[in-house]
């Protein structure tokens, strides 16, 4: 069964850091682009970061560029988001996601992990 499980969220002071993890199972991890999204209360879910299937390229939302490097461990099948210099506008539920491309494309989503930033 294809599954993503996020962890690592919590409460941190503004300026602090957190590292989110997303453990994947049930599919070939390294064959897919891997993404992080976030959703704050009352707002739409928004893209945060992506790492390509090859691991050779990454891209980020402007709001997190240079602060939230994305990485992965293809041996352990874990996706990471290192969140540095957290700001009051960063609190949200953070989700990892995989877009499975095929005859019938679909997305796999984790359950999310809550990030809260205190000022």
PDB file of N, CA and C in Angstrom:
ATOM      1  N   UNK A   1       0.838  -1.179   0.000  1.00  0.00           N
ATOM      2  CA  UNK A   1       0.000   0.000   0.000  1.00  0.00           C
ATOM      3  C   UNK A   1       0.883   1.242   0.000  1.00  0.00           C
ATOM      4  N   UNK A   2       0.564   2.166  -0.890  1.00  0.00           N
ATOM      5  CA  UNK A   2       1.345   3.398  -0.988  1.00  0.00           C
ATOM      6  C   UNK A   2       1.025   4.309   0.192  1.00  0.00           C
ATOM      7  N   UNK A   3       2.068   4.811   0.833  1.00  0.00           N
ATOM      8  CA  UNK A   3       1.831   5.576   2.039  1.00  0.00           C
ATOM      9  C   UNK A   3       2.939   6.601   2.253  1.00  0.00           C
ATOM     10  N   UNK A   4       2.540   7.773   2.763  1.00  0.00           N
ATOM     11  CA  UNK A   4       3.463   8.816   3.178  1.00  0.00           C
ATOM     12  C   UNK A   4       3.106   9.210   4.600  1.00  0.00           C
ATOM     13  N   UNK A   5       4.115   9.315   5.455  1.00  0.00           N
ATOM     14  CA  UNK A   5       3.879   9.682   6.848  1.00  0.00           C
ATOM     15  C   UNK A   5       4.846  10.792   7.234  1.00  0.00           C
ATOM     16  N   UNK A   6       4.289  11.964   7.523  1.00  0.00           N
ATOM     17  CA  UNK A   6       5.114  13.107   7.917  1.00  0.00           C
ATOM     18  C   UNK A   6       5.351  13.099   9.429  1.00  0.00           C
ATOM     19  N   UNK A   7       6.446  13.694   9.831  1.00  0.00           N
ATOM     20  CA  UNK A   7       6.754  13.885  11.243  1.00  0.00           C
ATOM     21  C   UNK A   7       7.707  15.066  11.369  1.00  0.00           C
ATOM     22  N   UNK A   8       7.920  15.507  12.607  1.00  0.00           N
ATOM     23  CA  UNK A   8       8.894  16.554  12.857  1.00  0.00           C
ATOM     24  C   UNK A   8       8.318  17.930  13.126  1.00  0.00           C
ATOM     25  N   UNK A   9       7.015  18.070  12.976  1.00  0.00           N
ATOM     26  CA  UNK A   9       6.410  19.359  13.254  1.00  0.00           C
ATOM     27  C   UNK A   9       6.422  19.659  14.740  1.00  0.00           C
ATOM     28  N   UNK A  10       6.060  20.890  15.078  1.00  0.00           N
ATOM     29  CA  UNK A  10       6.018  21.275  16.475  1.00  0.00           C
ATOM     30  C   UNK A  10       5.982  22.775  16.637  1.00  0.00           C
ATOM     31  N   UNK A  11       6.257  23.215  17.849  1.00  0.00           N
ATOM     32  CA  UNK A  11       6.263  24.638  18.191  1.00  0.00           C
ATOM     33  C   UNK A  11       7.705  25.116  18.276  1.00  0.00           C
ATOM     34  N   UNK A  12       7.986  26.211  17.603  1.00  0.00           N
ATOM     35  CA  UNK A  12       9.336  26.764  17.617  1.00  0.00           C
ATOM     36  C   UNK A  12       9.233  28.280  17.630  1.00  0.00           C
ATOM     37  N   UNK A  13      10.226  28.923  18.197  1.00  0.00           N
ATOM     38  CA  UNK A  13      10.250  30.388  18.210  1.00  0.00           C
ATOM     39  C   UNK A  13      10.638  30.926  16.836  1.00  0.00           C
ATOM     40  N   UNK A  14      10.177  32.110  16.541  1.00  0.00           N
ATOM     41  CA  UNK A  14      10.573  32.755  15.298  1.00  0.00           C
ATOM     42  C   UNK A  14      12.098  32.833  15.234  1.00  0.00           C
ATOM     43  N   UNK A  15      12.619  32.521  14.071  1.00  0.00           N
ATOM     44  CA  UNK A  15      14.062  32.477  13.889  1.00  0.00           C
ATOM     45  C   UNK A  15      14.660  31.100  14.108  1.00  0.00           C
ATOM     46  N   UNK A  16      13.874  30.206  14.663  1.00  0.00           N
ATOM     47  CA  UNK A  16      14.356  28.864  14.949  1.00  0.00           C
ATOM     48  C   UNK A  16      14.250  27.933  13.754  1.00  0.00           C
ATOM     49  N   UNK A  17      14.532  26.658  14.005  1.00  0.00           N
ATOM     50  CA  UNK A  17      14.565  25.665  12.935  1.00  0.00           C
ATOM     51  C   UNK A  17      13.799  24.407  13.321  1.00  0.00           C
ATOM     52  N   UNK A  18      13.310  23.736  12.304  1.00  0.00           N
ATOM     53  CA  UNK A  18      12.702  22.416  12.440  1.00  0.00           C
ATOM     54  C   UNK A  18      13.093  21.610  11.220  1.00  0.00           C
ATOM     55  N   UNK A  19      13.149  20.308  11.371  1.00  0.00           N
ATOM     56  CA  UNK A  19      13.334  19.445  10.204  1.00  0.00           C
ATOM     57  C   UNK A  19      12.148  18.498  10.103  1.00  0.00           C
ATOM     58  N   UNK A  20      11.445  18.607   9.005  1.00  0.00           N
ATOM     59  CA  UNK A  20      10.330  17.719   8.740  1.00  0.00           C
ATOM     60  C   UNK A  20      10.817  16.497   7.979  1.00  0.00           C
ATOM     61  N   UNK A  21      10.211  15.363   8.280  1.00  0.00           N
ATOM     62  CA  UNK A  21      10.515  14.120   7.585  1.00  0.00           C
ATOM     63  C   UNK A  21       9.231  13.561   6.993  1.00  0.00           C
ATOM     64  N   UNK A  22       9.394  12.833   5.901  1.00  0.00           N
ATOM     65  CA  UNK A  22       8.263  12.174   5.256  1.00  0.00           C
ATOM     66  C   UNK A  22       8.730  10.775   4.870  1.00  0.00           C
ATOM     67  N   UNK A  23       8.234   9.787   5.570  1.00  0.00           N
ATOM     68  CA  UNK A  23       8.614   8.406   5.312  1.00  0.00           C
ATOM     69  C   UNK A  23       7.679   7.806   4.273  1.00  0.00           C
ATOM     70  N   UNK A  24       8.255   7.240   3.223  1.00  0.00           N
ATOM     71  CA  UNK A  24       7.469   6.689   2.120  1.00  0.00           C
ATOM     72  C   UNK A  24       7.551   5.174   2.109  1.00  0.00           C
ATOM     73  N   UNK A  25       6.462   4.553   1.704  1.00  0.00           N
ATOM     74  CA  UNK A  25       6.445   3.103   1.563  1.00  0.00           C
ATOM     75  C   UNK A  25       5.429   2.721   0.499  1.00  0.00           C
ATOM     76  N   UNK A  26       5.628   1.540  -0.086  1.00  0.00           N
ATOM     77  CA  UNK A  26       4.659   1.008  -1.037  1.00  0.00           C
ATOM     78  C   UNK A  26       4.842   1.462  -2.467  1.00  0.00           C
ATOM     79  N   UNK A  27       5.880   2.225  -2.740  1.00  0.00           N
ATOM     80  CA  UNK A  27       6.138   2.617  -4.125  1.00  0.00           C
ATOM     81  C   UNK A  27       7.632   2.892  -4.278  1.00  0.00           C
ATOM     82  N   UNK A  28       8.077   2.990  -5.518  1.00  0.00           N
ATOM     83  CA  UNK A  28       9.498   3.198  -5.784  1.00  0.00           C
ATOM     84  C   UNK A  28       9.826   4.674  -5.620  1.00  0.00           C
ATOM     85  N   UNK A  29      10.359   4.997  -4.502  1.00  0.00           N
ATOM     86  CA  UNK A  29      10.595   6.368  -4.054  1.00  0.00           C
ATOM     87  C   UNK A  29      11.351   7.197  -5.075  1.00  0.00           C
ATOM     88  N   UNK A  30      12.436   6.655  -5.589  1.00  0.00           N
ATOM     89  CA  UNK A  30      13.348   7.459  -6.406  1.00  0.00           C
ATOM     90  C   UNK A  30      12.859   7.664  -7.841  1.00  0.00           C
ATOM     91  N   UNK A  31      11.710   7.132  -8.190  1.00  0.00           N
ATOM     92  CA  UNK A  31      11.180   7.295  -9.544  1.00  0.00           C
ATOM     93  C   UNK A  31      10.281   8.516  -9.693  1.00  0.00           C
ATOM     94  N   UNK A  32      10.071   9.230  -8.616  1.00  0.00           N
ATOM     95  CA  UNK A  32       9.065  10.295  -8.640  1.00  0.00           C
ATOM     96  C   UNK A  32       9.615  11.617  -8.095  1.00  0.00           C
ATOM     97  N   UNK A  33       9.105  12.700  -8.679  1.00  0.00           N
ATOM     98  CA  UNK A  33       9.316  13.998  -8.045  1.00  0.00           C
ATOM     99  C   UNK A  33       8.592  13.995  -6.702  1.00  0.00           C
ATOM    100  N   UNK A  34       9.200  14.634  -5.725  1.00  0.00           N
ATOM    101  CA  UNK A  34       8.643  14.646  -4.371  1.00  0.00           C
ATOM    102  C   UNK A  34       8.441  16.092  -3.943  1.00  0.00           C
ATOM    103  N   UNK A  35       7.313  16.384  -3.386  1.00  0.00           N
ATOM    104  CA  UNK A  35       6.950  17.764  -3.065  1.00  0.00           C
ATOM    105  C   UNK A  35       6.526  17.938  -1.618  1.00  0.00           C
ATOM    106  N   UNK A  36       6.730  19.148  -1.133  1.00  0.00           N
ATOM    107  CA  UNK A  36       6.143  19.606   0.121  1.00  0.00           C
ATOM    108  C   UNK A  36       5.147  20.708  -0.198  1.00  0.00           C
ATOM    109  N   UNK A  37       4.023  20.666   0.487  1.00  0.00           N
ATOM    110  CA  UNK A  37       3.007  21.703   0.432  1.00  0.00           C
ATOM    111  C   UNK A  37       2.700  22.129   1.865  1.00  0.00           C
ATOM    112  N   UNK A  38       1.998  23.235   1.993  1.00  0.00           N
ATOM    113  CA  UNK A  38       1.524  23.643   3.312  1.00  0.00           C
ATOM    114  C   UNK A  38       0.163  24.320   3.178  1.00  0.00           C
ATOM    115  N   UNK A  39      -0.576  24.252   4.261  1.00  0.00           N
ATOM    116  CA  UNK A  39      -1.894  24.883   4.293  1.00  0.00           C
ATOM    117  C   UNK A  39      -2.098  25.545   5.640  1.00  0.00           C
ATOM    118  N   UNK A  40      -2.243  26.845   5.610  1.00  0.00           N
ATOM    119  CA  UNK A  40      -2.523  27.618   6.818  1.00  0.00           C
ATOM    120  C   UNK A  40      -4.037  27.739   6.975  1.00  0.00           C
ATOM    121  N   UNK A  41      -4.518  27.987   8.187  1.00  0.00           N
ATOM    122  CA  UNK A  41      -5.963  28.108   8.413  1.00  0.00           C
ATOM    123  C   UNK A  41      -6.580  29.174   7.515  1.00  0.00           C
ATOM    124  N   UNK A  42      -7.666  28.804   6.841  1.00  0.00           N
ATOM    125  CA  UNK A  42      -8.370  29.758   6.000  1.00  0.00           C
ATOM    126  C   UNK A  42      -7.727  30.030   4.659  1.00  0.00           C
ATOM    127  N   UNK A  43      -6.648  29.314   4.358  1.00  0.00           N
ATOM    128  CA  UNK A  43      -5.955  29.538   3.090  1.00  0.00           C
ATOM    129  C   UNK A  43      -5.897  28.258   2.271  1.00  0.00           C
ATOM    130  N   UNK A  44      -5.654  28.431   0.980  1.00  0.00           N
ATOM    131  CA  UNK A  44      -5.502  27.273   0.108  1.00  0.00           C
ATOM    132  C   UNK A  44      -4.161  26.586   0.374  1.00  0.00           C
ATOM    133  N   UNK A  45      -4.132  25.312   0.040  1.00  0.00           N
ATOM    134  CA  UNK A  45      -2.869  24.594   0.126  1.00  0.00           C
ATOM    135  C   UNK A  45      -1.917  25.181  -0.916  1.00  0.00           C
ATOM    136  N   UNK A  46      -0.660  25.387  -0.510  1.00  0.00           N
ATOM    137  CA  UNK A  46       0.285  26.001  -1.429  1.00  0.00           C
ATOM    138  C   UNK A  46       1.561  25.184  -1.534  1.00  0.00           C
ATOM    139  N   UNK A  47       2.170  25.271  -2.690  1.00  0.00           N
ATOM    140  CA  UNK A  47       3.426  24.590  -2.955  1.00  0.00           C
ATOM    141  C   UNK A  47       4.542  25.204  -2.128  1.00  0.00           C
ATOM    142  N   UNK A  48       5.427  24.344  -1.622  1.00  0.00           N
ATOM    143  CA  UNK A  48       6.581  24.816  -0.859  1.00  0.00           C
ATOM    144  C   UNK A  48       7.886  24.475  -1.570  1.00  0.00           C
ATOM    145  N   UNK A  49       8.068  23.195  -1.904  1.00  0.00           N
ATOM    146  CA  UNK A  49       9.339  22.778  -2.491  1.00  0.00           C
ATOM    147  C   UNK A  49       9.169  21.463  -3.229  1.00  0.00           C
ATOM    148  N   UNK A  50      10.068  21.216  -4.183  1.00  0.00           N
ATOM    149  CA  UNK A  50      10.064  19.973  -4.943  1.00  0.00           C
ATOM    150  C   UNK A  50      11.498  19.532  -5.178  1.00  0.00           C
ATOM    151  N   UNK A  51      11.702  18.210  -5.183  1.00  0.00           N
ATOM    152  CA  UNK A  51      12.967  17.628  -5.591  1.00  0.00           C
ATOM    153  C   UNK A  51      12.671  16.640  -6.697  1.00  0.00           C
ATOM    154  N   UNK A  52      13.475  16.665  -7.740  1.00  0.00           N
ATOM    155  CA  UNK A  52      13.195  15.836  -8.904  1.00  0.00           C
ATOM    156  C   UNK A  52      13.466  14.367  -8.611  1.00  0.00           C
ATOM    157  N   UNK A  53      12.940  13.518  -9.485  1.00  0.00           N
ATOM    158  CA  UNK A  53      13.120  12.071  -9.330  1.00  0.00           C
ATOM    159  C   UNK A  53      14.610  11.695  -9.320  1.00  0.00           C
ATOM    160  N   UNK A  54      15.379  12.386 -10.106  1.00  0.00           N
ATOM    161  CA  UNK A  54      16.822  12.098 -10.150  1.00  0.00           C
ATOM    162  C   UNK A  54      17.555  12.659  -8.935  1.00  0.00           C
ATOM    163  N   UNK A  55      16.892  13.578  -8.246  1.00  0.00           N
ATOM    164  CA  UNK A  55      17.552  14.262  -7.135  1.00  0.00           C
ATOM    165  C   UNK A  55      18.454  15.393  -7.575  1.00  0.00           C
ATOM    166  N   UNK A  56      18.499  15.612  -8.893  1.00  0.00           N
ATOM    167  CA  UNK A  56      19.438  16.591  -9.424  1.00  0.00           C
ATOM    168  C   UNK A  56      18.950  18.012  -9.454  1.00  0.00           C
ATOM    169  N   UNK A  57      17.670  18.202  -9.226  1.00  0.00           N
ATOM    170  CA  UNK A  57      17.164  19.572  -9.246  1.00  0.00           C
ATOM    171  C   UNK A  57      16.109  19.777  -8.172  1.00  0.00           C
ATOM    172  N   UNK A  58      16.036  21.007  -7.712  1.00  0.00           N
ATOM    173  CA  UNK A  58      15.057  21.396  -6.712  1.00  0.00           C
ATOM    174  C   UNK A  58      14.447  22.731  -7.123  1.00  0.00           C
ATOM    175  N   UNK A  59      13.292  23.012  -6.567  1.00  0.00           N
ATOM    176  CA  UNK A  59      12.651  24.302  -6.809  1.00  0.00           C
ATOM    177  C   UNK A  59      11.851  24.658  -5.568  1.00  0.00           C
ATOM    178  N   UNK A  60      11.642  25.958  -5.374  1.00  0.00           N
ATOM    179  CA  UNK A  60      11.034  26.420  -4.145  1.00  0.00           C
ATOM    180  C   UNK A  60      10.057  27.562  -4.404  1.00  0.00           C
ATOM    181  N   UNK A  61       9.089  27.680  -3.526  1.00  0.00           N
ATOM    182  CA  UNK A  61       8.267  28.880  -3.509  1.00  0.00           C
ATOM    183  C   UNK A  61       9.156  30.052  -3.092  1.00  0.00           C
ATOM    184  N   UNK A  62       8.868  31.217  -3.643  1.00  0.00           N
ATOM    185  CA  UNK A  62       9.684  32.391  -3.324  1.00  0.00           C
ATOM    186  C   UNK A  62       9.727  32.659  -1.822  1.00  0.00           C
ATOM    187  N   UNK A  63       8.643  32.360  -1.132  1.00  0.00           N
ATOM    188  CA  UNK A  63       8.541  32.679   0.286  1.00  0.00           C
ATOM    189  C   UNK A  63       9.480  31.855   1.159  1.00  0.00           C
ATOM    190  N   UNK A  64       9.964  30.726   0.640  1.00  0.00           N
ATOM    191  CA  UNK A  64      10.826  29.853   1.455  1.00  0.00           C
ATOM    192  C   UNK A  64      12.200  29.650   0.838  1.00  0.00           C
ATOM    193  N   UNK A  65      12.399  30.197  -0.348  1.00  0.00           N
ATOM    194  CA  UNK A  65      13.669  30.008  -1.039  1.00  0.00           C
ATOM    195  C   UNK A  65      14.804  30.479  -0.138  1.00  0.00           C
ATOM    196  N   UNK A  66      15.868  29.753  -0.079  1.00  0.00           N
ATOM    197  CA  UNK A  66      17.079  29.961   0.727  1.00  0.00           C
ATOM    198  C   UNK A  66      16.889  29.606   2.201  1.00  0.00           C
ATOM    199  N   UNK A  67      15.649  29.378   2.637  1.00  0.00           N
ATOM    200  CA  UNK A  67      15.420  29.046   4.054  1.00  0.00           C
ATOM    201  C   UNK A  67      15.080  27.584   4.273  1.00  0.00           C
ATOM    202  N   UNK A  68      14.408  26.924   3.311  1.00  0.00           N
ATOM    203  CA  UNK A  68      13.859  25.585   3.490  1.00  0.00           C
ATOM    204  C   UNK A  68      14.457  24.597   2.472  1.00  0.00           C
ATOM    205  N   UNK A  69      15.657  24.176   2.616  1.00  0.00           N
ATOM    206  CA  UNK A  69      16.197  23.211   1.659  1.00  0.00           C
ATOM    207  C   UNK A  69      15.487  21.863   1.736  1.00  0.00           C
ATOM    208  N   UNK A  70      15.190  21.297   0.570  1.00  0.00           N
ATOM    209  CA  UNK A  70      14.554  19.987   0.467  1.00  0.00           C
ATOM    210  C   UNK A  70      15.624  18.961   0.125  1.00  0.00           C
ATOM    211  N   UNK A  71      15.495  17.778   0.671  1.00  0.00           N
ATOM    212  CA  UNK A  71      16.448  16.714   0.385  1.00  0.00           C
ATOM    213  C   UNK A  71      15.764  15.369   0.570  1.00  0.00           C
ATOM    214  N   UNK A  72      16.465  14.306   0.209  1.00  0.00           N
ATOM    215  CA  UNK A  72      15.875  12.978   0.356  1.00  0.00           C
ATOM    216  C   UNK A  72      16.967  11.960   0.617  1.00  0.00           C
ATOM    217  N   UNK A  73      16.557  10.858   1.210  1.00  0.00           N
ATOM    218  CA  UNK A  73      17.425   9.704   1.441  1.00  0.00           C
ATOM    219  C   UNK A  73      16.790   8.538   0.694  1.00  0.00           C
ATOM    220  N   UNK A  74      17.370   8.162  -0.454  1.00  0.00           N
ATOM    221  CA  UNK A  74      16.733   7.135  -1.272  1.00  0.00           C
ATOM    222  C   UNK A  74      16.975   5.734  -0.739  1.00  0.00           C
ATOM    223  N   UNK A  75      17.879   5.583   0.206  1.00  0.00           N
ATOM    224  CA  UNK A  75      18.088   4.279   0.829  1.00  0.00           C
ATOM    225  C   UNK A  75      16.994   4.031   1.865  1.00  0.00           C
ATOM    226  N   UNK A  76      16.723   5.064   2.659  1.00  0.00           N
ATOM    227  CA  UNK A  76      15.717   4.924   3.709  1.00  0.00           C
ATOM    228  C   UNK A  76      14.327   5.365   3.253  1.00  0.00           C
ATOM    229  N   UNK A  77      14.233   5.881   2.015  1.00  0.00           N
ATOM    230  CA  UNK A  77      12.944   6.356   1.480  1.00  0.00           C
ATOM    231  C   UNK A  77      12.330   7.439   2.363  1.00  0.00           C
ATOM    232  N   UNK A  78      13.122   8.442   2.684  1.00  0.00           N
ATOM    233  CA  UNK A  78      12.641   9.549   3.493  1.00  0.00           C
ATOM    234  C   UNK A  78      12.904  10.866   2.776  1.00  0.00           C
ATOM    235  N   UNK A  79      11.893  11.689   2.747  1.00  0.00           N
ATOM    236  CA  UNK A  79      11.989  13.047   2.203  1.00  0.00           C
ATOM    237  C   UNK A  79      12.107  14.005   3.382  1.00  0.00           C
ATOM    238  N   UNK A  80      12.928  15.036   3.228  1.00  0.00           N
ATOM    239  CA  UNK A  80      13.140  15.994   4.308  1.00  0.00           C
ATOM    240  C   UNK A  80      12.825  17.416   3.859  1.00  0.00           C
ATOM    241  N   UNK A  81      12.471  18.238   4.829  1.00  0.00           N
ATOM    242  CA  UNK A  81      12.394  19.677   4.620  1.00  0.00           C
ATOM    243  C   UNK A  81      13.035  20.322   5.845  1.00  0.00           C
ATOM    244  N   UNK A  82      14.202  20.888   5.653  1.00  0.00           N
ATOM    245  CA  UNK A  82      14.886  21.605   6.720  1.00  0.00           C
ATOM    246  C   UNK A  82      14.363  23.038   6.738  1.00  0.00           C
ATOM    247  N   UNK A  83      13.726  23.409   7.818  1.00  0.00           N
ATOM    248  CA  UNK A  83      13.086  24.714   7.906  1.00  0.00           C
ATOM    249  C   UNK A  83      13.926  25.610   8.814  1.00  0.00           C
ATOM    250  N   UNK A  84      14.570  26.587   8.240  1.00  0.00           N
ATOM    251  CA  UNK A  84      15.432  27.506   8.975  1.00  0.00           C
ATOM    252  C   UNK A  84      14.846  28.907   8.987  1.00  0.00           C
ATOM    253  N   UNK A  85      15.269  29.691   9.947  1.00  0.00           N
ATOM    254  CA  UNK A  85      14.830  31.096  10.048  1.00  0.00           C
ATOM    255  C   UNK A  85      13.306  31.204   9.949  1.00  0.00           C
ATOM    256  N   UNK A  86      12.622  30.401  10.730  1.00  0.00           N
ATOM    257  CA  UNK A  86      11.160  30.371  10.669  1.00  0.00           C
ATOM    258  C   UNK A  86      10.564  31.729  11.002  1.00  0.00           C
ATOM    259  N   UNK A  87       9.514  32.045  10.273  1.00  0.00           N
ATOM    260  CA  UNK A  87       8.867  33.356  10.393  1.00  0.00           C
ATOM    261  C   UNK A  87       7.430  33.193  10.870  1.00  0.00           C
ATOM    262  N   UNK A  88       6.836  34.261  11.374  1.00  0.00           N
ATOM    263  CA  UNK A  88       5.438  34.176  11.825  1.00  0.00           C
ATOM    264  C   UNK A  88       4.467  33.777  10.717  1.00  0.00           C
ATOM    265  N   UNK A  89       4.843  33.933   9.455  1.00  0.00           N
ATOM    266  CA  UNK A  89       3.952  33.561   8.354  1.00  0.00           C
ATOM    267  C   UNK A  89       4.125  32.116   7.902  1.00  0.00           C
ATOM    268  N   UNK A  90       5.030  31.373   8.547  1.00  0.00           N
ATOM    269  CA  UNK A  90       5.261  29.981   8.167  1.00  0.00           C
ATOM    270  C   UNK A  90       4.343  28.948   8.816  1.00  0.00           C
ATOM    271  N   UNK A  91       3.658  29.230   9.893  1.00  0.00           N
ATOM    272  CA  UNK A  91       2.814  28.207  10.519  1.00  0.00           C
ATOM    273  C   UNK A  91       1.762  27.651   9.574  1.00  0.00           C
ATOM    274  N   UNK A  92       1.631  26.348   9.565  1.00  0.00           N
ATOM    275  CA  UNK A  92       0.692  25.664   8.688  1.00  0.00           C
ATOM    276  C   UNK A  92       0.786  24.180   8.986  1.00  0.00           C
ATOM    277  N   UNK A  93      -0.093  23.433   8.356  1.00  0.00           N
ATOM    278  CA  UNK A  93       0.088  21.991   8.291  1.00  0.00           C
ATOM    279  C   UNK A  93       0.913  21.726   7.039  1.00  0.00           C
ATOM    280  N   UNK A  94       1.983  21.002   7.203  1.00  0.00           N
ATOM    281  CA  UNK A  94       2.881  20.707   6.097  1.00  0.00           C
ATOM    282  C   UNK A  94       2.631  19.271   5.633  1.00  0.00           C
ATOM    283  N   UNK A  95       2.499  19.118   4.315  1.00  0.00           N
ATOM    284  CA  UNK A  95       2.202  17.835   3.702  1.00  0.00           C
ATOM    285  C   UNK A  95       3.285  17.471   2.689  1.00  0.00           C
ATOM    286  N   UNK A  96       3.632  16.196   2.632  1.00  0.00           N
ATOM    287  CA  UNK A  96       4.452  15.733   1.526  1.00  0.00           C
ATOM    288  C   UNK A  96       3.533  15.058   0.510  1.00  0.00           C
ATOM    289  N   UNK A  97       3.987  15.034  -0.720  1.00  0.00           N
ATOM    290  CA  UNK A  97       3.136  14.521  -1.787  1.00  0.00           C
ATOM    291  C   UNK A  97       3.973  13.963  -2.922  1.00  0.00           C
ATOM    292  N   UNK A  98       3.412  12.958  -3.565  1.00  0.00           N
ATOM    293  CA  UNK A  98       4.011  12.367  -4.753  1.00  0.00           C
ATOM    294  C   UNK A  98       2.961  12.360  -5.855  1.00  0.00           C
ATOM    295  N   UNK A  99       3.332  12.837  -7.026  1.00  0.00           N
ATOM    296  CA  UNK A  99       2.450  12.778  -8.184  1.00  0.00           C
ATOM    297  C   UNK A  99       2.842  11.549  -8.996  1.00  0.00           C
ATOM    298  N   UNK A 100       1.972  10.565  -9.003  1.00  0.00           N
ATOM    299  CA  UNK A 100       2.243   9.343  -9.737  1.00  0.00           C
ATOM    300  C   UNK A 100       1.728   9.510 -11.160  1.00  0.00           C
ATOM    301  N   UNK A 101       2.654   9.421 -12.099  1.00  0.00           N
ATOM    302  CA  UNK A 101       2.314   9.625 -13.507  1.00  0.00           C
ATOM    303  C   UNK A 101       2.102   8.276 -14.168  1.00  0.00           C
ATOM    304  N   UNK A 102       0.978   8.156 -14.853  1.00  0.00           N
ATOM    305  CA  UNK A 102       0.698   6.918 -15.540  1.00  0.00           C
ATOM    306  C   UNK A 102      -0.561   7.067 -16.363  1.00  0.00           C
ATOM    307  N   UNK A 103      -1.147   5.969 -16.739  1.00  0.00           N
ATOM    308  CA  UNK A 103      -2.376   6.017 -17.534  1.00  0.00           C
ATOM    309  C   UNK A 103      -3.452   6.798 -16.787  1.00  0.00           C
ATOM    310  N   UNK A 104      -3.488   6.616 -15.500  1.00  0.00           N
ATOM    311  CA  UNK A 104      -4.412   7.382 -14.646  1.00  0.00           C
ATOM    312  C   UNK A 104      -3.582   8.042 -13.559  1.00  0.00           C
ATOM    313  N   UNK A 105      -3.137   9.290 -13.797  1.00  0.00           N
ATOM    314  CA  UNK A 105      -2.302   9.956 -12.775  1.00  0.00           C
ATOM    315  C   UNK A 105      -3.074  10.172 -11.483  1.00  0.00           C
ATOM    316  N   UNK A 106      -2.350  10.139 -10.382  1.00  0.00           N
ATOM    317  CA  UNK A 106      -2.974  10.432  -9.108  1.00  0.00           C
ATOM    318  C   UNK A 106      -1.901  10.923  -8.141  1.00  0.00           C
ATOM    319  N   UNK A 107      -2.342  11.494  -7.062  1.00  0.00           N
ATOM    320  CA  UNK A 107      -1.434  12.023  -6.053  1.00  0.00           C
ATOM    321  C   UNK A 107      -1.549  11.214  -4.764  1.00  0.00           C
ATOM    322  N   UNK A 108      -0.420  11.012  -4.149  1.00  0.00           N
ATOM    323  CA  UNK A 108      -0.370  10.414  -2.826  1.00  0.00           C
ATOM    324  C   UNK A 108      -0.068  11.545  -1.845  1.00  0.00           C
ATOM    325  N   UNK A 109      -0.818  11.612  -0.769  1.00  0.00           N
ATOM    326  CA  UNK A 109      -0.623  12.641   0.256  1.00  0.00           C
ATOM    327  C   UNK A 109      -0.416  11.991   1.610  1.00  0.00           C
ATOM    328  N   UNK A 110       0.413  12.646   2.412  1.00  0.00           N
ATOM    329  CA  UNK A 110       0.513  12.242   3.799  1.00  0.00           C
ATOM    330  C   UNK A 110      -0.588  12.906   4.610  1.00  0.00           C
ATOM    331  N   UNK A 111      -0.591  12.628   5.917  1.00  0.00           N
ATOM    332  CA  UNK A 111      -1.634  13.169   6.789  1.00  0.00           C
ATOM    333  C   UNK A 111      -1.299  14.573   7.270  1.00  0.00           C
ATOM    334  N   UNK A 112      -0.063  14.994   7.084  1.00  0.00           N
ATOM    335  CA  UNK A 112       0.352  16.336   7.468  1.00  0.00           C
ATOM    336  C   UNK A 112       0.966  16.387   8.856  1.00  0.00           C
ATOM    337  N   UNK A 113       1.776  17.408   9.064  1.00  0.00           N
ATOM    338  CA  UNK A 113       2.372  17.655  10.381  1.00  0.00           C
ATOM    339  C   UNK A 113       2.289  19.157  10.656  1.00  0.00           C
ATOM    340  N   UNK A 114       1.883  19.497  11.861  1.00  0.00           N
ATOM    341  CA  UNK A 114       1.614  20.884  12.215  1.00  0.00           C
ATOM    342  C   UNK A 114       2.901  21.608  12.618  1.00  0.00           C
ATOM    343  N   UNK A 115       3.088  22.776  12.053  1.00  0.00           N
ATOM    344  CA  UNK A 115       4.200  23.656  12.427  1.00  0.00           C
ATOM    345  C   UNK A 115       3.624  24.940  12.994  1.00  0.00           C
ATOM    346  N   UNK A 116       4.074  25.292  14.184  1.00  0.00           N
ATOM    347  CA  UNK A 116       3.613  26.514  14.845  1.00  0.00           C
ATOM    348  C   UNK A 116       4.831  27.357  15.195  1.00  0.00           C
ATOM    349  N   UNK A 117       4.741  28.642  14.938  1.00  0.00           N
ATOM    350  CA  UNK A 117       5.857  29.560  15.210  1.00  0.00           C
ATOM    351  C   UNK A 117       5.394  30.622  16.192  1.00  0.00           C
ATOM    352  N   UNK A 118       6.109  30.756  17.284  1.00  0.00           N
ATOM    353  CA  UNK A 118       5.783  31.786  18.277  1.00  0.00           C
ATOM    354  C   UNK A 118       6.696  32.993  18.069  1.00  0.00           C
ATOM    355  N   UNK A 119       6.126  34.145  18.268  1.00  0.00           N
ATOM    356  CA  UNK A 119       6.909  35.376  18.057  1.00  0.00           C
ATOM    357  C   UNK A 119       7.496  35.881  19.362  1.00  0.00           C
TER     358      UNK A 119
END
